[in-house]
PDB file of N, CA and C in Angstrom:
ATOM      1  N   MET A   1      93.998 157.881  -4.793  1.00  0.00           N
ATOM      2  CA  MET A   1      92.534 157.607  -4.684  1.00  0.00           C
ATOM      3  C   MET A   1      91.944 158.953  -4.832  1.00  0.00           C
ATOM      4  N   SER A   2      90.715 158.850  -5.195  1.00  0.00           N
ATOM      5  CA  SER A   2      89.676 160.025  -5.193  1.00  0.00           C
ATOM      6  C   SER A   2      89.283 160.640  -3.673  1.00  0.00           C
ATOM      7  N   GLY A   3      89.032 161.728  -3.757  1.00  0.00           N
ATOM      8  CA  GLY A   3      88.161 162.664  -2.599  1.00  0.00           C
ATOM      9  C   GLY A   3      87.291 161.776  -2.089  1.00  0.00           C
ATOM     10  N   ARG A   4      86.233 161.524  -2.925  1.00  0.00           N
ATOM     11  CA  ARG A   4      85.053 160.941  -2.275  1.00  0.00           C
ATOM     12  C   ARG A   4      85.731 159.595  -1.504  1.00  0.00           C
ATOM     13  N   TRP A   5      86.457 158.689  -2.078  1.00  0.00           N
ATOM     14  CA  TRP A   5      86.943 157.378  -1.534  1.00  0.00           C
ATOM     15  C   TRP A   5      87.491 157.683  -0.273  1.00  0.00           C
ATOM     16  N   LYS A   6      87.982 158.772   0.194  1.00  0.00           N
ATOM     17  CA  LYS A   6      88.912 159.196   1.196  1.00  0.00           C
ATOM     18  C   LYS A   6      87.795 159.630   2.321  1.00  0.00           C
ATOM     19  N   ALA A   7      86.766 160.428   1.750  1.00  0.00           N
ATOM     20  CA  ALA A   7      85.624 161.075   2.337  1.00  0.00           C
ATOM     21  C   ALA A   7      84.931 159.806   3.088  1.00  0.00           C
ATOM     22  N   TYR A   8      84.509 158.590   2.354  1.00  0.00           N
ATOM     23  CA  TYR A   8      83.457 157.621   2.839  1.00  0.00           C
ATOM     24  C   TYR A   8      84.144 156.527   3.689  1.00  0.00           C
ATOM     25  N   ARG A   9      85.237 156.666   3.633  1.00  0.00           N
ATOM     26  CA  ARG A   9      86.572 155.789   4.301  1.00  0.00           C
ATOM     27  C   ARG A   9      86.632 156.422   5.736  1.00  0.00           C
ATOM     28  N   ALA A  10      86.706 157.794   5.473  1.00  0.00           N
ATOM     29  CA  ALA A  10      86.850 158.443   6.709  1.00  0.00           C
ATOM     30  C   ALA A  10      85.491 158.388   7.489  1.00  0.00           C
ATOM     31  N   PHE A  11      84.225 158.893   6.953  1.00  0.00           N
ATOM     32  CA  PHE A  11      83.183 158.555   7.682  1.00  0.00           C
ATOM     33  C   PHE A  11      82.895 157.105   8.567  1.00  0.00           C
ATOM     34  N   LEU A  12      83.075 156.167   7.717  1.00  0.00           N
ATOM     35  CA  LEU A  12      82.628 154.646   8.159  1.00  0.00           C
ATOM     36  C   LEU A  12      83.906 154.302   9.508  1.00  0.00           C
ATOM     37  N   ALA A  13      84.909 155.216   9.469  1.00  0.00           N
ATOM     38  CA  ALA A  13      86.080 154.887  10.459  1.00  0.00           C
ATOM     39  C   ALA A  13      85.195 155.675  11.970  1.00  0.00           C
ATOM     40  N   LEU A  14      84.432 156.584  11.355  1.00  0.00           N
ATOM     41  CA  LEU A  14      83.955 157.298  12.659  1.00  0.00           C
ATOM     42  C   LEU A  14      82.528 155.993  13.287  1.00  0.00           C
ATOM     43  N   SER A  15      82.319 156.356  14.420  1.00  0.00           N
ATOM     44  CA  SER A  15      81.347 155.402  14.907  1.00  0.00           C
ATOM     45  C   SER A  15      80.008 155.831  14.767  1.00  0.00           C
ATOM     46  N   SER A  16      79.385 156.102  14.002  1.00  0.00           N
ATOM     47  CA  SER A  16      78.049 156.720  13.715  1.00  0.00           C
ATOM     48  C   SER A  16      77.065 155.860  14.224  1.00  0.00           C
ATOM     49  N   SER A  17      76.041 156.182  14.563  1.00  0.00           N
ATOM     50  CA  SER A  17      74.931 155.224  14.966  1.00  0.00           C
ATOM     51  C   SER A  17      73.925 155.197  13.963  1.00  0.00           C
ATOM     52  N   ASP A  18      73.700 156.078  12.607  1.00  0.00           N
ATOM     53  CA  ASP A  18      72.960 156.227  11.554  1.00  0.00           C
ATOM     54  C   ASP A  18      72.939 154.857  10.921  1.00  0.00           C
ATOM     55  N   ALA A  19      72.803 153.702  10.808  1.00  0.00           N
ATOM     56  CA  ALA A  19      72.606 152.839  10.239  1.00  0.00           C
ATOM     57  C   ALA A  19      72.287 152.943   8.912  1.00  0.00           C
ATOM     58  N   LYS A  20      71.464 153.632   8.553  1.00  0.00           N
ATOM     59  CA  LYS A  20      70.997 154.022   7.315  1.00  0.00           C
ATOM     60  C   LYS A  20      72.323 154.806   6.402  1.00  0.00           C
ATOM     61  N   LEU A  21      73.346 155.975   7.185  1.00  0.00           N
ATOM     62  CA  LEU A  21      73.867 156.560   6.618  1.00  0.00           C
ATOM     63  C   LEU A  21      74.994 155.560   6.244  1.00  0.00           C
ATOM     64  N   ARG A  22      75.434 154.513   7.389  1.00  0.00           N
ATOM     65  CA  ARG A  22      76.470 153.790   7.235  1.00  0.00           C
ATOM     66  C   ARG A  22      76.648 152.729   6.017  1.00  0.00           C
ATOM     67  N   ALA A  23      75.178 152.215   6.129  1.00  0.00           N
ATOM     68  CA  ALA A  23      74.813 151.680   4.978  1.00  0.00           C
ATOM     69  C   ALA A  23      75.012 152.215   3.381  1.00  0.00           C
ATOM     70  N   GLU A  24      74.574 153.480   3.417  1.00  0.00           N
ATOM     71  CA  GLU A  24      74.995 154.306   2.170  1.00  0.00           C
ATOM     72  C   GLU A  24      76.275 154.468   1.661  1.00  0.00           C
ATOM     73  N   ALA A  25      76.823 154.950   2.849  1.00  0.00           N
ATOM     74  CA  ALA A  25      78.496 154.777   2.529  1.00  0.00           C
ATOM     75  C   ALA A  25      79.128 153.833   2.247  1.00  0.00           C
ATOM     76  N   MET A  26      78.740 152.753   2.693  1.00  0.00           N
ATOM     77  CA  MET A  26      79.357 151.278   2.458  1.00  0.00           C
ATOM     78  C   MET A  26      79.243 150.999   0.960  1.00  0.00           C
ATOM     79  N   ARG A  27      77.605 151.464   0.611  1.00  0.00           N
ATOM     80  CA  ARG A  27      77.576 150.762  -0.751  1.00  0.00           C
ATOM     81  C   ARG A  27      77.986 151.749  -1.998  1.00  0.00           C
ATOM     82  N   ARG A  28      78.399 153.192  -1.663  1.00  0.00           N
ATOM     83  CA  ARG A  28      78.858 153.944  -2.425  1.00  0.00           C
ATOM     84  C   ARG A  28      80.511 153.580  -2.364  1.00  0.00           C
ATOM     85  N   LEU A  29      81.050 153.556  -1.372  1.00  0.00           N
ATOM     86  CA  LEU A  29      82.412 152.761  -1.410  1.00  0.00           C
ATOM     87  C   LEU A  29      82.845 151.888  -2.191  1.00  0.00           C
ATOM     88  N   GLY A  30      81.969 150.998  -2.338  1.00  0.00           N
ATOM     89  CA  GLY A  30      82.010 149.504  -2.885  1.00  0.00           C
ATOM     90  C   GLY A  30      81.838 149.767  -4.509  1.00  0.00           C
ATOM     91  N   ASP A  31      81.043 150.810  -4.553  1.00  0.00           N
ATOM     92  CA  ASP A  31      80.651 151.612  -6.109  1.00  0.00           C
ATOM     93  C   ASP A  31      81.758 152.479  -6.674  1.00  0.00           C
ATOM     94  N   LEU A  32      82.401 152.932  -5.419  1.00  0.00           N
ATOM     95  CA  LEU A  32      83.637 153.512  -5.987  1.00  0.00           C
ATOM     96  C   LEU A  32      84.987 152.739  -6.321  1.00  0.00           C
ATOM     97  N   ASN A  33      85.102 151.399  -5.721  1.00  0.00           N
ATOM     98  CA  ASN A  33      86.064 150.659  -6.008  1.00  0.00           C
ATOM     99  C   ASN A  33      85.907 149.738  -7.526  1.00  0.00           C
ATOM    100  N   LEU A  34      84.529 149.607  -7.706  1.00  0.00           N
ATOM    101  CA  LEU A  34      83.911 149.076  -9.205  1.00  0.00           C
ATOM    102  C   LEU A  34      84.303 150.359  -9.957  1.00  0.00           C
ATOM    103  N   GLU A  35      84.539 151.210 -10.015  1.00  0.00           N
ATOM    104  CA  GLU A  35      84.569 152.298 -11.250  1.00  0.00           C
ATOM    105  C   GLU A  35      85.812 151.981 -11.902  1.00  0.00           C
ATOM    106  N   PRO A  36      87.169 151.912 -11.076  1.00  0.00           N
ATOM    107  CA  PRO A  36      88.278 152.074 -11.966  1.00  0.00           C
ATOM    108  C   PRO A  36      88.514 150.682 -12.527  1.00  0.00           C
ATOM    109  N   ALA A  37      87.833 149.270 -11.853  1.00  0.00           N
ATOM    110  CA  ALA A  37      87.757 148.180 -11.953  1.00  0.00           C
ATOM    111  C   ALA A  37      87.055 147.905 -13.707  1.00  0.00           C
ATOM    112  N   GLU A  38      86.205 148.748 -13.642  1.00  0.00           N
ATOM    113  CA  GLU A  38      85.059 148.697 -15.035  1.00  0.00           C
ATOM    114  C   GLU A  38      85.918 149.313 -16.111  1.00  0.00           C
ATOM    115  N   ILE A  39      86.923 150.520 -15.743  1.00  0.00           N
ATOM    116  CA  ILE A  39      87.407 151.144 -16.621  1.00  0.00           C
ATOM    117  C   ILE A  39      88.538 150.510 -17.187  1.00  0.00           C
ATOM    118  N   GLY A  40      89.615 149.782 -16.044  1.00  0.00           N
ATOM    119  CA  GLY A  40      90.634 148.836 -16.471  1.00  0.00           C
ATOM    120  C   GLY A  40      90.251 147.788 -17.329  1.00  0.00           C
ATOM    121  N   ALA A  41      89.167 147.133 -17.056  1.00  0.00           N
ATOM    122  CA  ALA A  41      88.651 145.969 -17.977  1.00  0.00           C
ATOM    123  C   ALA A  41      88.783 146.501 -19.860  1.00  0.00           C
ATOM    124  N   ARG A  42      88.319 147.830 -20.248  1.00  0.00           N
ATOM    125  CA  ARG A  42      88.536 148.209 -20.988  1.00  0.00           C
ATOM    126  C   ARG A  42      90.158 148.213 -21.832  1.00  0.00           C
ATOM    127  N   ARG A  43      90.787 148.508 -20.753  1.00  0.00           N
ATOM    128  CA  ARG A  43      92.314 148.372 -21.363  1.00  0.00           C
ATOM    129  C   ARG A  43      92.852 146.913 -21.232  1.00  0.00           C
ATOM    130  N   ILE A  44      94.213 147.067 -21.989  1.00  0.00           N
ATOM    131  CA  ILE A  44      94.983 145.798 -21.579  1.00  0.00           C
ATOM    132  C   ILE A  44      95.557 146.092 -20.449  1.00  0.00           C
ATOM    133  N   GLY A  45      95.885 144.886 -19.581  1.00  0.00           N
ATOM    134  CA  GLY A  45      96.819 144.803 -18.566  1.00  0.00           C
ATOM    135  C   GLY A  45      95.841 145.576 -17.072  1.00  0.00           C
ATOM    136  N   GLY A  46      96.986 145.864 -16.319  1.00  0.00           N
ATOM    137  CA  GLY A  46      96.363 146.264 -15.057  1.00  0.00           C
ATOM    138  C   GLY A  46      95.121 145.360 -14.577  1.00  0.00           C
ATOM    139  N   ALA A  47      95.360 144.052 -14.653  1.00  0.00           N
ATOM    140  CA  ALA A  47      94.716 143.278 -13.666  1.00  0.00           C
ATOM    141  C   ALA A  47      94.648 143.114 -12.746  1.00  0.00           C
ATOM    142  N   GLY A  48      95.956 143.028 -12.120  1.00  0.00           N
ATOM    143  CA  GLY A  48      96.276 143.073 -10.625  1.00  0.00           C
ATOM    144  C   GLY A  48      95.537 144.123 -10.012  1.00  0.00           C
ATOM    145  N   GLU A  49      95.654 145.043 -10.271  1.00  0.00           N
ATOM    146  CA  GLU A  49      94.868 146.286  -9.864  1.00  0.00           C
ATOM    147  C   GLU A  49      93.691 146.196  -9.921  1.00  0.00           C
ATOM    148  N   ARG A  50      93.024 145.890 -10.785  1.00  0.00           N
ATOM    149  CA  ARG A  50      91.454 145.732 -10.922  1.00  0.00           C
ATOM    150  C   ARG A  50      90.921 144.776  -9.937  1.00  0.00           C
ATOM    151  N   ASP A  51      91.905 143.452  -9.948  1.00  0.00           N
ATOM    152  CA  ASP A  51      91.620 142.132  -9.400  1.00  0.00           C
ATOM    153  C   ASP A  51      91.479 142.811  -7.576  1.00  0.00           C
ATOM    154  N   LEU A  52      92.472 143.641  -7.404  1.00  0.00           N
ATOM    155  CA  LEU A  52      92.512 144.204  -6.034  1.00  0.00           C
ATOM    156  C   LEU A  52      91.184 145.297  -5.445  1.00  0.00           C
ATOM    157  N   LYS A  53      91.057 145.818  -6.518  1.00  0.00           N
ATOM    158  CA  LYS A  53      89.278 146.829  -6.330  1.00  0.00           C
ATOM    159  C   LYS A  53      88.162 146.075  -6.540  1.00  0.00           C
ATOM    160  N   ASN A  54      88.219 145.050  -7.035  1.00  0.00           N
ATOM    161  CA  ASN A  54      87.128 143.887  -7.260  1.00  0.00           C
ATOM    162  C   ASN A  54      86.844 143.409  -5.713  1.00  0.00           C
ATOM    163  N   THR A  55      87.884 142.980  -5.593  1.00  0.00           N
ATOM    164  CA  THR A  55      88.407 142.211  -4.048  1.00  0.00           C
ATOM    165  C   THR A  55      87.808 142.974  -2.797  1.00  0.00           C
ATOM    166  N   GLU A  56      87.781 144.521  -3.079  1.00  0.00           N
ATOM    167  CA  GLU A  56      87.709 145.105  -1.867  1.00  0.00           C
ATOM    168  C   GLU A  56      86.201 145.553  -2.196  1.00  0.00           C
ATOM    169  N   ALA A  57      85.881 145.663  -3.070  1.00  0.00           N
ATOM    170  CA  ALA A  57      84.461 145.913  -3.398  1.00  0.00           C
ATOM    171  C   ALA A  57      83.326 145.237  -2.978  1.00  0.00           C
ATOM    172  N   ILE A  58      84.001 143.775  -3.352  1.00  0.00           N
ATOM    173  CA  ILE A  58      83.159 142.402  -3.030  1.00  0.00           C
ATOM    174  C   ILE A  58      83.355 141.927  -1.433  1.00  0.00           C
ATOM    175  N   ARG A  59      84.218 142.573  -0.609  1.00  0.00           N
ATOM    176  CA  ARG A  59      84.409 142.697   0.950  1.00  0.00           C
ATOM    177  C   ARG A  59      83.333 143.756   1.438  1.00  0.00           C
ATOM    178  N   LEU A  60      83.176 145.100   0.591  1.00  0.00           N
ATOM    179  CA  LEU A  60      82.295 145.721   1.086  1.00  0.00           C
ATOM    180  C   LEU A  60      80.956 145.717   1.353  1.00  0.00           C
ATOM    181  N   TYR A  61      80.582 145.194   0.241  1.00  0.00           N
ATOM    182  CA  TYR A  61      79.225 144.584  -0.156  1.00  0.00           C
ATOM    183  C   TYR A  61      78.829 143.526   0.634  1.00  0.00           C
ATOM    184  N   ALA A  62      79.638 142.737   0.712  1.00  0.00           N
ATOM    185  CA  ALA A  62      79.244 141.485   1.896  1.00  0.00           C
ATOM    186  C   ALA A  62      79.544 141.997   3.024  1.00  0.00           C
ATOM    187  N   GLY A  63      80.221 142.811   3.588  1.00  0.00           N
ATOM    188  CA  GLY A  63      79.918 143.365   5.033  1.00  0.00           C
ATOM    189  C   GLY A  63      78.649 144.158   5.061  1.00  0.00           C
ATOM    190  N   LEU A  64      78.375 145.110   3.947  1.00  0.00           N
ATOM    191  CA  LEU A  64      76.963 145.911   3.962  1.00  0.00           C
ATOM    192  C   LEU A  64      75.794 144.754   3.966  1.00  0.00           C
ATOM    193  N   LEU A  65      75.789 143.719   3.401  1.00  0.00           N
ATOM    194  CA  LEU A  65      74.705 142.651   3.496  1.00  0.00           C
ATOM    195  C   LEU A  65      74.670 142.016   4.756  1.00  0.00           C
ATOM    196  N   LYS A  66      75.593 141.560   5.216  1.00  0.00           N
ATOM    197  CA  LYS A  66      75.816 141.489   6.444  1.00  0.00           C
ATOM    198  C   LYS A  66      75.192 141.965   7.856  1.00  0.00           C
ATOM    199  N   ALA A  67      75.648 143.544   7.936  1.00  0.00           N
ATOM    200  CA  ALA A  67      75.309 144.502   8.780  1.00  0.00           C
ATOM    201  C   ALA A  67      73.964 144.919   8.469  1.00  0.00           C
ATOM    202  N   TYR A  68      73.678 144.852   7.217  1.00  0.00           N
ATOM    203  CA  TYR A  68      72.060 145.437   6.834  1.00  0.00           C
ATOM    204  C   TYR A  68      71.182 144.532   6.281  1.00  0.00           C
ATOM    205  N   PRO A  69      71.123 143.201   6.386  1.00  0.00           N
ATOM    206  CA  PRO A  69      70.684 142.225   5.637  1.00  0.00           C
ATOM    207  C   PRO A  69      69.362 142.608   5.056  1.00  0.00           C
ATOM    208  N   ASN A  70      68.618 143.648   6.028  1.00  0.00           N
ATOM    209  CA  ASN A  70      67.166 144.162   5.250  1.00  0.00           C
ATOM    210  C   ASN A  70      67.414 145.214   4.038  1.00  0.00           C
TER     211      ASN A  70
END
């Protein structure tokens, strides 16, 4: 896992009251989960890991939309 991934996870674990910062962190974390999946799509194999990352990204984006619909 990258340092950025860990940093965004740590930030979201804090109870930040700044909704804009939380929304941005959730979006960026979702983007980071998609990066390895996009790279893996170009290789043969690794589909299981790619599927897990896609599932995590979808969960993050869905949570983002639910928490911040506007």
